[in-house]
Protein backbone atom coordinates (compact mmCIF):
# COMPACT_ATOMS: atom_id res chain seq x y z
CA MET A 1 -0.07 -0.02 0.01
CA GLU A 2 1.33 3.27 -1.13
CA ALA A 3 2.38 5.63 2.14
CA PRO A 4 0.38 8.66 2.50
CA ARG A 5 2.07 11.83 0.97
CA ILE A 6 2.13 14.66 3.89
CA LEU A 7 3.29 18.19 3.02
CA PHE A 8 4.83 19.57 6.42
CA VAL A 9 5.11 23.47 6.23
CA HIS A 10 7.56 24.47 9.19
CA HIS A 11 9.93 27.33 9.55
CA LYS A 12 13.05 25.48 10.42
CA CYS A 13 14.72 22.00 11.00
CA LEU A 14 15.97 22.58 14.21
CA TRP A 15 18.32 19.93 15.80
CA TYR A 16 15.87 18.73 18.49
CA ARG A 17 13.29 18.38 15.89
CA LYS A 18 15.35 16.40 13.42
CA PRO A 19 14.89 12.67 15.03
CA VAL A 20 11.25 12.96 14.77
CA PHE A 21 11.13 14.53 11.31
CA ASN A 22 13.17 11.62 10.42
CA MET A 23 11.15 9.12 12.01
CA LEU A 24 8.13 10.44 10.27
CA ALA A 25 9.94 10.22 6.96
CA ASP A 26 10.76 6.47 7.61
CA LYS A 27 6.81 5.99 7.66
CA TYR A 28 5.33 8.41 5.37
CA ASP A 29 5.89 9.85 2.09
CA LEU A 30 6.97 13.04 3.62
CA ARG A 31 8.11 16.62 2.18
CA PHE A 32 8.93 19.65 3.94
CA VAL A 33 8.58 23.25 3.18
CA PHE A 34 11.12 25.41 5.31
CA THR A 35 10.73 29.29 5.49
CA LYS A 36 13.83 29.82 7.09
CA GLU A 37 16.57 27.34 6.45
CA GLU A 38 20.29 27.18 4.47
CA LYS A 39 20.81 23.28 4.31
CA VAL A 40 19.65 20.20 6.43
CA ASP A 41 22.35 17.69 6.95
CA ASP A 42 21.41 13.92 7.62
CA PHE A 43 17.80 14.61 6.88
CA LYS A 44 15.58 11.66 5.24
CA ALA A 45 12.76 13.65 4.07
CA GLU A 46 12.50 15.45 0.82
CA TYR A 47 12.42 19.36 1.45
CA ARG A 48 12.21 22.73 -0.41
CA ILE A 49 13.40 26.13 1.06
CA ILE A 50 11.34 29.11 0.59
CA LYS A 51 13.05 32.21 2.23
CA ARG A 52 10.88 34.69 3.93
CA HIS A 53 10.81 38.37 3.17
CA GLY A 54 9.13 41.04 4.62
CA PHE A 55 5.56 39.74 5.87
CA GLY A 56 5.95 36.47 3.58
CA PHE A 57 4.10 37.99 0.39
CA LEU A 58 7.16 37.44 -1.87
CA ASN A 59 7.88 33.82 -0.55
CA LEU A 60 3.94 32.97 -0.90
CA ALA A 61 3.88 34.40 -4.46
CA VAL A 62 6.89 32.45 -5.69
CA GLY A 63 7.04 29.47 -3.65
CA LEU A 64 4.41 28.35 -1.14
CA ILE A 65 1.23 29.17 -2.95
CA PRO A 66 2.44 26.94 -6.13
CA THR A 67 3.36 24.14 -3.88
CA LEU A 68 -0.03 24.36 -1.99
CA PHE A 69 -2.16 24.49 -4.93
CA ARG A 70 -0.18 22.24 -7.69
CA GLU A 71 1.70 19.68 -5.80
CA ARG A 72 0.04 16.09 -4.92
CA TYR A 73 -0.31 15.61 -1.15
CA ASP A 74 -2.98 13.91 0.96
CA LEU A 75 -2.37 15.89 4.02
CA ILE A 76 -0.77 19.31 5.21
CA VAL A 77 0.75 19.87 8.68
CA PHE A 78 1.64 23.36 9.48
CA PRO A 79 2.37 24.98 13.25
CA GLN A 80 0.58 27.85 14.96
CA PRO A 81 1.64 31.02 13.67
CA ASN A 82 3.68 33.40 16.07
CA SER A 83 4.06 36.53 13.66
CA PRO A 84 2.03 38.09 11.05
CA GLY A 85 3.92 36.50 8.38
CA GLU A 86 3.30 33.16 9.64
CA LEU A 87 -0.27 34.12 10.13
CA ILE A 88 -0.61 34.87 6.47
CA ASP A 89 1.36 31.34 5.61
CA SER A 90 -1.28 29.47 7.82
CA LEU A 91 -4.21 31.25 6.20
CA PHE A 92 -2.99 30.22 2.74
CA CYS A 93 -2.65 26.64 4.05
CA PHE A 94 -6.21 26.64 5.20
CA PHE A 95 -7.42 28.02 2.01
CA ALA A 96 -5.45 25.56 -0.03
CA THR A 97 -6.94 22.66 2.18
CA LYS A 98 -10.59 23.70 1.74
CA ILE A 99 -10.14 24.46 -1.85
CA ARG A 100 -8.54 20.92 -2.77
CA ARG A 101 -10.52 19.00 -0.20
CA LYS A 102 -7.63 17.93 1.92
CA PRO A 103 -7.32 17.35 5.57
CA TYR A 104 -5.10 19.49 7.69
CA ILE A 105 -3.19 19.31 11.14
CA ILE A 106 -2.13 21.97 13.30
CA TRP A 107 0.81 21.42 15.70
CA SER A 108 0.25 23.88 18.51
CA GLY A 109 2.42 25.08 21.39
CA LEU A 110 -0.22 28.06 22.62
CA TRP A 111 -1.52 27.80 25.91
CA ARG A 112 -1.47 31.30 27.19
CA TRP A 113 -2.35 34.38 25.74
CA LYS A 114 -1.82 37.98 27.48
CA GLU A 115 -2.60 41.45 25.96
CA ASP A 116 0.00 43.85 26.32
CA LYS A 117 -1.75 47.30 26.38
CA ASP A 118 1.57 49.23 25.74
CA LEU A 119 2.32 47.60 22.65
CA MET A 120 -0.82 48.48 20.46
CA PRO A 121 0.23 47.01 17.08
CA ARG A 122 1.15 43.72 18.71
CA ARG A 123 -2.17 43.83 20.78
CA LEU A 124 -3.96 44.24 17.60
CA TYR A 125 -2.11 41.34 16.06
CA LYS A 126 -2.93 39.29 19.06
CA VAL A 127 -6.69 40.11 19.10
CA LEU A 128 -7.26 39.69 15.45
CA GLY A 129 -4.66 36.70 15.31
CA ARG A 130 -6.48 34.92 18.14
CA GLU A 131 -9.85 34.94 16.47
CA ILE A 132 -8.23 33.81 13.12
CA ILE A 133 -6.15 31.08 14.87
CA GLY A 134 -9.02 30.09 16.79
CA PHE A 135 -11.22 29.80 13.62
CA ILE A 136 -8.36 27.63 11.81
CA TYR A 137 -7.95 25.29 14.87
CA ARG A 138 -11.74 24.59 15.01
CA ASN A 139 -11.71 23.58 11.46
CA ALA A 140 -8.69 21.18 11.53
CA ASP A 141 -8.79 17.67 11.32
CA ALA A 142 -6.69 16.90 13.93
CA CYS A 143 -4.40 19.19 16.62
CA VAL A 144 -1.13 17.99 17.78
CA SER A 145 -0.21 19.70 21.23
CA TYR A 146 2.94 20.29 23.16
CA GLY A 147 1.40 18.80 26.55
CA THR A 148 -1.32 18.93 29.02
CA LYS A 149 -1.61 22.82 29.31
CA HIS A 150 -1.63 23.09 25.65
CA GLU A 151 -4.42 20.18 25.31
CA ALA A 152 -6.44 22.18 27.57
CA TYR A 153 -6.17 25.48 25.76
CA LEU A 154 -7.27 23.81 22.59
CA HIS A 155 -10.20 22.34 24.13
CA ASP A 156 -11.27 25.78 25.43
CA LEU A 157 -11.22 26.88 21.79
CA ASN A 158 -14.26 24.37 21.53
CA ILE A 159 -12.04 21.66 19.72
CA SER A 160 -12.99 18.04 20.33
CA ARG A 161 -10.87 16.07 22.51
CA GLU A 162 -11.03 13.47 20.32
CA LYS A 163 -9.13 15.59 17.43
CA ILE A 164 -6.30 16.62 19.97
CA PHE A 165 -3.22 14.54 20.28
CA ILE A 166 -0.27 15.27 22.58
CA ALA A 167 3.23 14.74 20.96
CA PRO A 168 5.31 14.94 24.16
CA GLN A 169 8.08 17.43 23.46
CA ALA A 170 11.58 15.89 23.51
CA SER A 171 15.15 17.10 23.51
CA MET A 172 18.27 14.84 24.34
CA ILE A 173 21.87 15.65 23.95
CA ASN A 174 24.77 13.66 23.84
CA VAL A 175 26.73 13.02 27.31
CA ASN A 176 30.37 13.88 27.50
CA HIS A 177 31.58 13.57 31.18
CA GLY A 178 35.22 14.39 30.22
CA ASN A 179 35.22 18.35 30.53
CA VAL A 180 33.29 18.87 33.95
CA LYS A 181 36.51 19.11 36.00
CA LYS A 182 38.53 21.04 33.61
CA ILE A 183 35.59 23.62 33.36
CA LYS A 184 35.21 23.94 37.07
CA ASP A 185 38.82 24.21 37.65
CA ASP A 186 39.01 27.07 34.68
CA LEU A 187 36.20 29.14 36.32
CA GLY A 188 37.46 28.57 39.89
CA ILE A 189 34.43 27.00 41.19
CA GLU A 190 35.90 23.45 42.28
CA ASN A 191 34.05 23.60 45.36
CA LYS A 192 30.94 25.47 44.94
CA LYS A 193 27.56 24.49 44.30
CA ILE A 194 26.10 25.70 41.10
CA VAL A 195 22.75 27.06 39.87
CA LEU A 196 22.53 26.68 36.04
CA TYR A 197 20.43 28.48 33.54
CA VAL A 198 20.63 27.70 29.85
CA GLY A 199 18.70 29.56 27.34
CA ARG A 200 18.17 32.79 25.19
CA LEU A 201 18.70 36.19 26.81
CA ILE A 202 15.07 37.53 26.37
CA LYS A 203 12.68 39.05 28.47
CA ILE A 204 10.40 36.02 28.60
CA LYS A 205 12.82 33.98 30.08
CA GLY A 206 12.93 35.81 33.33
CA ILE A 207 16.65 35.91 33.93
CA ASP A 208 16.54 39.08 35.95
CA TYR A 209 14.15 37.54 38.51
CA LEU A 210 16.52 34.43 38.94
CA ILE A 211 19.71 36.96 39.43
CA GLU A 212 17.66 38.82 42.08
CA ALA A 213 16.69 35.60 43.77
CA PHE A 214 20.22 34.33 43.59
CA ALA A 215 21.61 37.35 45.27
CA ARG A 216 19.55 36.50 48.37
CA VAL A 217 20.72 32.76 48.19
CA ARG A 218 24.31 34.20 48.18
CA ARG A 219 23.93 36.46 51.23
CA GLU A 220 23.14 33.14 53.18
CA MET A 221 25.43 30.67 51.47
CA ARG A 222 28.98 31.33 50.59
CA ASP A 223 29.76 28.34 48.44
CA VAL A 224 27.14 28.93 45.58
CA CYS A 225 27.53 30.37 42.19
CA LEU A 226 25.10 31.26 39.34
CA VAL A 227 26.37 30.09 35.63
CA ILE A 228 24.10 31.59 33.01
CA ILE A 229 24.54 30.10 29.49
CA GLY A 230 22.85 31.91 26.35
CA GLY A 231 23.21 34.50 23.59
CA ASP A 232 20.95 37.15 22.11
CA GLY A 233 17.30 36.70 21.16
CA TRP A 234 17.51 35.73 17.50
CA TYR A 235 15.39 32.56 17.03
CA GLY A 236 13.68 31.62 13.82
CA ARG A 237 12.85 34.75 11.71
CA THR A 238 12.09 37.22 14.51
CA LYS A 239 14.18 38.79 17.38
CA GLU A 240 12.11 38.59 20.51
CA GLU A 241 12.74 41.38 23.08
CA PRO A 242 16.29 40.77 24.34
CA ILE A 243 17.76 41.53 27.73
CA SER A 244 21.59 42.31 26.96
CA VAL A 245 24.42 40.86 28.76
CA ASP A 246 25.47 44.20 30.01
CA GLN A 247 22.20 44.76 31.52
CA LEU A 248 22.13 41.65 33.39
CA LYS A 249 25.68 42.24 34.45
CA ASN A 250 24.60 45.80 36.04
CA LEU A 251 22.05 44.18 37.65
CA SER A 252 24.24 41.73 39.14
CA LYS A 253 26.73 44.24 40.48
CA LYS A 254 24.19 46.29 41.80
CA LEU A 255 22.89 43.36 43.87
CA GLY A 256 26.24 42.77 45.17
CA LEU A 257 27.39 39.81 43.22
CA LYS A 258 31.17 39.64 41.83
CA LEU A 259 31.26 38.74 38.19
CA ASN A 260 33.05 35.82 37.46
CA GLN A 261 33.00 34.87 41.10
CA ASP A 262 29.41 34.68 42.26
CA ILE A 263 27.75 34.85 38.78
CA PHE A 264 29.25 33.76 35.27
CA PHE A 265 27.87 34.80 32.08
CA LEU A 266 29.28 32.19 29.65
CA GLY A 267 27.42 33.19 26.38
CA GLU A 268 26.37 30.48 23.84
CA ILE A 269 27.65 27.07 24.31
CA LYS A 270 27.66 24.38 21.55
CA ASN A 271 25.19 21.35 22.09
CA ASP A 272 27.91 19.17 22.16
CA SER A 273 29.37 20.57 25.12
CA LEU A 274 26.45 21.53 27.07
CA SER A 275 26.17 18.22 28.75
CA SER A 276 29.23 19.06 31.11
CA TYR A 277 27.51 22.03 32.27
CA TYR A 278 24.13 20.10 33.10
CA LEU A 279 26.58 17.35 34.75
CA MET A 280 28.41 19.94 37.06
CA SER A 281 25.27 21.86 38.26
CA ASN A 282 23.21 21.08 41.28
CA VAL A 283 20.14 22.44 40.33
CA PHE A 284 18.57 24.05 37.13
CA VAL A 285 16.35 27.07 37.22
CA LEU A 286 14.08 28.32 34.20
CA PRO A 287 12.39 31.50 35.58
CA GLY A 288 9.93 32.38 32.87
CA ILE A 289 7.62 35.23 32.71
CA THR A 290 4.59 35.70 30.74
CA HIS A 291 5.51 38.70 28.11
CA MET A 292 2.50 38.73 25.80
CA ILE A 293 2.77 34.91 25.64
CA GLY A 294 4.05 32.30 28.08
CA GLU A 295 6.79 30.06 27.47
CA ALA A 296 5.50 27.66 24.91
CA TRP A 297 7.53 24.56 26.49
CA GLY A 298 11.12 24.83 27.82
CA LEU A 299 13.10 22.22 26.46
CA VAL A 300 16.00 22.87 28.72
CA LEU A 301 13.96 21.39 31.52
CA ASN A 302 13.89 18.15 29.37
CA GLU A 303 17.70 18.25 29.21
CA ALA A 304 18.44 19.32 32.76
CA MET A 305 16.31 16.16 33.75
CA GLN A 306 17.77 13.90 31.56
CA PHE A 307 21.08 14.43 33.62
CA GLY A 308 19.19 13.87 36.80
CA LYS A 309 19.04 17.46 38.05
CA PRO A 310 16.46 18.85 40.22
CA VAL A 311 14.70 21.51 38.09
CA ILE A 312 12.80 24.84 39.23
CA SER A 313 10.58 26.70 36.89
CA THR A 314 7.61 29.34 37.15
CA ASP A 315 3.90 28.61 36.40
CA ALA A 316 4.66 30.76 33.17
CA VAL A 317 6.73 27.75 31.56
CA GLY A 318 4.21 25.13 29.68
CA ALA A 319 6.66 22.41 30.26
CA ALA A 320 6.41 22.84 34.18
CA TYR A 321 2.85 21.50 34.27
CA ASP A 322 3.86 18.36 32.67
CA LEU A 323 7.67 17.57 33.60
CA ILE A 324 7.82 19.27 37.36
CA GLU A 325 6.09 16.97 40.15
CA ASP A 326 6.18 19.66 42.66
CA GLY A 327 8.40 18.57 45.70
CA ILE A 328 9.34 15.42 44.02
CA ASN A 329 11.61 16.41 41.19
CA GLY A 330 11.83 19.91 41.92
CA PHE A 331 9.31 23.07 42.28
CA MET A 332 7.14 25.15 40.15
CA VAL A 333 6.78 28.83 41.75
CA PRO A 334 4.81 31.76 40.63
CA GLU A 335 6.26 33.77 38.23
CA ARG A 336 7.77 37.05 39.02
CA ASP A 337 8.21 35.69 42.66
CA VAL A 338 11.74 36.54 43.80
CA GLU A 339 11.06 35.19 47.28
CA ALA A 340 9.42 31.87 46.21
CA LEU A 341 12.71 31.45 43.93
CA TYR A 342 15.10 32.10 46.75
CA VAL A 343 13.25 29.85 49.06
CA VAL A 344 13.21 26.82 46.67
CA ILE A 345 16.81 27.14 45.31
CA CYS A 346 18.08 27.37 49.04
CA LYS A 347 16.01 24.34 50.10
CA ILE A 348 17.70 22.19 47.30
CA LEU A 349 21.22 23.49 47.80
CA SER A 350 21.09 23.08 51.56
CA ASP A 351 20.14 19.48 51.53
CA ALA A 352 22.36 16.95 49.56
CA GLU A 353 19.81 14.37 50.30
CA ILE A 354 16.80 16.14 48.64
CA GLU A 355 18.98 17.04 45.81
CA GLN A 356 19.89 13.52 44.84
CA LYS A 357 16.49 12.36 45.41
CA MET A 358 14.89 14.83 43.19
CA GLY A 359 17.76 14.24 40.70
CA ARG A 360 16.79 10.66 40.47
CA GLU A 361 12.94 11.40 40.00
CA SER A 362 13.82 13.82 37.39
CA ARG A 363 15.47 11.01 35.33
CA ARG A 364 12.27 8.78 36.07
CA ILE A 365 9.90 11.31 34.81
CA ILE A 366 11.86 12.31 31.86
CA SER A 367 11.86 8.78 30.63
CA ASP A 368 8.36 9.14 28.92
CA TYR A 369 9.37 12.24 27.07
CA SER A 370 11.43 10.42 24.02
CA TYR A 371 11.24 10.96 20.73
CA GLU A 372 9.64 7.78 20.16
CA SER A 373 6.58 8.95 22.28
CA MET A 374 6.49 12.25 20.33
CA PHE A 375 6.37 10.36 17.05
CA GLU A 376 3.52 8.33 18.32
CA GLY A 377 1.52 11.53 19.20
CA PHE A 378 2.14 12.45 15.36
CA GLU A 379 0.98 9.10 14.12
CA LYS A 380 -2.03 9.07 15.90
CA ALA A 381 -3.08 12.62 14.69
CA ILE A 382 -2.13 11.72 11.28
CA SER A 383 -4.20 8.48 11.24
CA CYS A 384 -6.99 10.66 12.60
CA ALA A 385 -6.84 13.46 10.10
CA LEU A 386 -6.66 11.06 7.14
CA ASN A 387 -9.52 9.25 8.13
CA SER A 388 -11.70 12.47 8.31
CA ASN A 389 -11.34 12.95 4.22
CA GLY A 390 -10.68 16.55 4.92
CA LYS A 391 -14.37 17.04 6.10
């Protein structure tokens, strides 16, 4: 029997998505259209790159529209739009499926909206976008969600639970034990307990709240340091509102933290080297905040748990609701709550038994968040959508 031909419109083949995309390509006749990509190595699926220009009109005219209306496919999969240009893409994907009577799947990481009264253009886009997105979602033949909060959000849009499938978000990095001692020696933190943050330096990550909380921890504990790993806000096609390293350094100094002694800003670290930093840490913190939207997931929590670390996150991070069992493998605290962050960081760092127990529980929990489980979620959604016949 001939495998269904699936057109997958996505912005980029990020490294942590490639394993699942390749698994899907093994089963289906899969073709990707990427709107921002240079080249994809070790990729099993056929793909085409349609570079985005401006709001997407040019790439729509010369690439996406002919693909949507001329090529053979049995199903389209496309993600939720995160920008005006992506919203246009989604609308054309929607119209193409309706004109050609083909089913489609939405892959959604949405779970929290928050209007920003100080940013009227963005607020207008959010209000209009939310209505349009809701319409597209309700007409989808199946929806793939990141996790339980995202599933609940889709249900609140009056989408039947029978059409919602969770593809548990997965990210796994290679383990390298060899550099831990050297890194700690080079940084001069051989005998210190380490609080770790990994991620982009953007407002939604709430790094300034973590620094404020850590400054309070440092006043109580001498043998601790905070390691911050991450570059600027570039991601995909847009630059999210950044917080510069200089801003964070100035905040640190103002709070009495000594640079390269109490707090370290290490910039971007390649994925192949990240494992050493996870391994040497005592607790991982993702202090996200709601900034127009909440953090869609937070794959760094997956990665820290892979290395058996206690994790702390806020209730503005989508992954926290699935990955953190409060008091078991870490803690979920209210966003922007410096006091709460301070308390739980101290609780873990001051008790080695709690730290080790939570680390073991993190490994147990994250074992269910594999690429295989993610593939199965997509597989079920594809089966549901194809059986709907696009109606």
